[in-house]
Amino acid sequence: MKKAVLILTVIFALGINGFAIDDDKKSVQTTTVKGKVVDQISGEALTGVQVKIEGTNLTAYTDFDGNFVIENVAPGNYNIQTTYISYQTNVLKEVNLNSVSNNCLKVEMKSVTSN
């Protein structure tokens, strides 16, 4: 009886490990997009700009140096929207984000008072 229980335990343990391995193979690879947002005329970094990947719930805000990072993005083509008070909303269209290349952007925003 002890041999049967031991054999069933080993088979059950191997089965669980097999499922874990299969789950790892099914995991979706993601990428990271990062960049800097600056004023179009002065080149000055803009703090607190909202950077949103349209069609997702992924959003980030720029830090004191104008830098942002958005992680866990599924590879694909996206529109990336930046919004900031007193600046025109900016949309980068069809940005190709993939897991192989360095997804680094420089976004220049135009003040609503600029000509």
Protein backbone atom coordinates (compact mmCIF):
# COMPACT_ATOMS: atom_id res chain seq x y z
CA MET A 1 0.00 0.00 0.00
CA LYS A 2 2.84 2.40 0.82
CA LYS A 3 4.36 1.82 -2.65
CA ALA A 4 1.07 2.72 -4.32
CA VAL A 5 0.76 5.95 -2.31
CA LEU A 6 4.39 6.85 -3.07
CA ILE A 7 3.93 6.19 -6.79
CA LEU A 8 0.71 8.26 -6.92
CA THR A 9 2.45 11.08 -5.03
CA VAL A 10 5.36 11.11 -7.51
CA ILE A 11 2.99 11.04 -10.51
CA PHE A 12 0.90 13.86 -9.02
CA ALA A 13 4.01 15.97 -8.31
CA LEU A 14 5.29 15.45 -11.85
CA GLY A 15 1.90 16.44 -13.22
CA ILE A 16 1.89 19.72 -11.28
CA ASN A 17 5.40 20.57 -12.48
CA GLY A 18 4.36 19.81 -16.04
CA PHE A 19 1.51 22.33 -15.82
CA ALA A 20 3.82 25.00 -14.43
CA ILE A 21 6.22 24.54 -17.33
CA ASP A 22 3.38 24.78 -19.85
CA ASP A 23 2.13 28.00 -18.23
CA ASP A 24 5.60 29.58 -18.58
CA LYS A 25 5.63 28.84 -22.30
CA LYS A 26 2.28 30.60 -22.72
CA SER A 27 3.38 33.82 -21.00
CA VAL A 28 3.12 36.93 -23.16
CA GLN A 29 6.30 38.91 -23.69
CA THR A 30 6.03 42.59 -22.99
CA THR A 31 8.20 45.61 -23.60
CA THR A 32 8.95 48.94 -21.98
CA VAL A 33 8.65 52.36 -23.56
CA LYS A 34 10.53 55.29 -22.11
CA GLY A 35 11.32 58.79 -23.18
CA LYS A 36 11.56 62.47 -22.47
CA VAL A 37 9.07 65.28 -23.03
CA VAL A 38 10.38 68.79 -23.73
CA ASP A 39 9.12 72.20 -24.81
CA GLN A 40 9.35 72.45 -28.62
CA ILE A 41 10.96 75.91 -28.63
CA SER A 42 13.14 76.06 -25.52
CA GLY A 43 13.98 72.35 -25.22
CA GLU A 44 13.23 72.61 -21.50
CA ALA A 45 12.06 69.41 -19.81
CA LEU A 46 8.37 69.38 -18.90
CA THR A 47 7.36 67.99 -15.50
CA GLY A 48 3.99 66.32 -14.91
CA VAL A 49 3.06 65.61 -18.53
CA GLN A 50 0.55 62.78 -18.92
CA VAL A 51 1.80 60.14 -21.37
CA LYS A 52 -0.90 57.64 -22.39
CA ILE A 53 -0.85 54.69 -24.75
CA GLU A 54 -4.20 54.98 -26.53
CA GLY A 55 -6.38 51.89 -26.49
CA THR A 56 -4.88 50.72 -23.18
CA ASN A 57 -5.07 51.76 -19.55
CA LEU A 58 -1.30 52.41 -19.51
CA THR A 59 -0.42 55.93 -18.39
CA ALA A 60 2.64 57.59 -16.89
CA TYR A 61 3.65 61.09 -15.85
CA THR A 62 6.98 62.74 -16.50
CA ASP A 63 9.38 63.32 -13.61
CA PHE A 64 11.30 66.52 -12.79
CA ASP A 65 13.65 65.88 -15.73
CA GLY A 66 10.81 65.25 -18.22
CA ASN A 67 11.44 61.48 -18.27
CA PHE A 68 8.75 58.78 -18.28
CA VAL A 69 8.64 54.99 -18.29
CA ILE A 70 5.71 52.70 -19.15
CA GLU A 71 6.29 48.99 -18.51
CA ASN A 72 4.43 45.81 -19.46
CA VAL A 73 3.34 46.97 -22.90
CA ALA A 74 2.30 44.25 -25.34
CA PRO A 75 4.33 44.65 -28.55
CA GLY A 76 2.43 46.37 -31.36
CA ASN A 77 1.66 49.69 -33.03
CA TYR A 78 0.15 52.37 -30.79
CA ASN A 79 -0.79 56.02 -30.75
CA ILE A 80 0.93 57.73 -27.83
CA GLN A 81 -0.79 60.83 -26.48
CA THR A 82 0.80 63.54 -24.34
CA THR A 83 -1.25 66.16 -22.52
CA TYR A 84 -0.13 69.05 -20.35
CA ILE A 85 -1.77 72.23 -19.14
CA SER A 86 -1.08 75.23 -21.42
CA TYR A 87 0.26 72.94 -24.17
CA GLN A 88 -1.37 71.47 -27.25
CA THR A 89 -2.24 67.78 -26.97
CA ASN A 90 0.28 65.81 -28.98
CA VAL A 91 -0.32 62.38 -30.54
CA LEU A 92 2.49 60.25 -31.96
CA LYS A 93 0.72 57.99 -34.46
CA GLU A 94 1.44 54.33 -35.11
CA VAL A 95 4.53 54.06 -32.92
CA ASN A 96 5.95 50.54 -33.30
CA LEU A 97 6.75 49.16 -29.87
CA ASN A 98 8.41 45.77 -29.96
CA SER A 99 10.26 43.60 -27.50
CA VAL A 100 13.53 43.64 -29.45
CA SER A 101 14.41 47.29 -30.02
CA ASN A 102 15.06 50.09 -27.58
CA ASN A 103 11.68 51.82 -27.32
CA CYS A 104 12.89 55.32 -26.49
CA LEU A 105 10.99 58.45 -27.53
CA LYS A 106 11.61 62.19 -27.50
CA VAL A 107 8.38 64.17 -27.51
CA GLU A 108 8.31 67.89 -28.24
CA MET A 109 5.21 69.76 -27.08
CA LYS A 110 4.04 73.15 -28.36
CA SER A 111 2.72 75.77 -25.99
CA VAL A 112 -0.76 77.09 -26.79
CA THR A 113 0.72 80.61 -26.73
CA SER A 114 3.41 79.75 -29.35
CA ASN A 115 2.92 80.86 -32.94
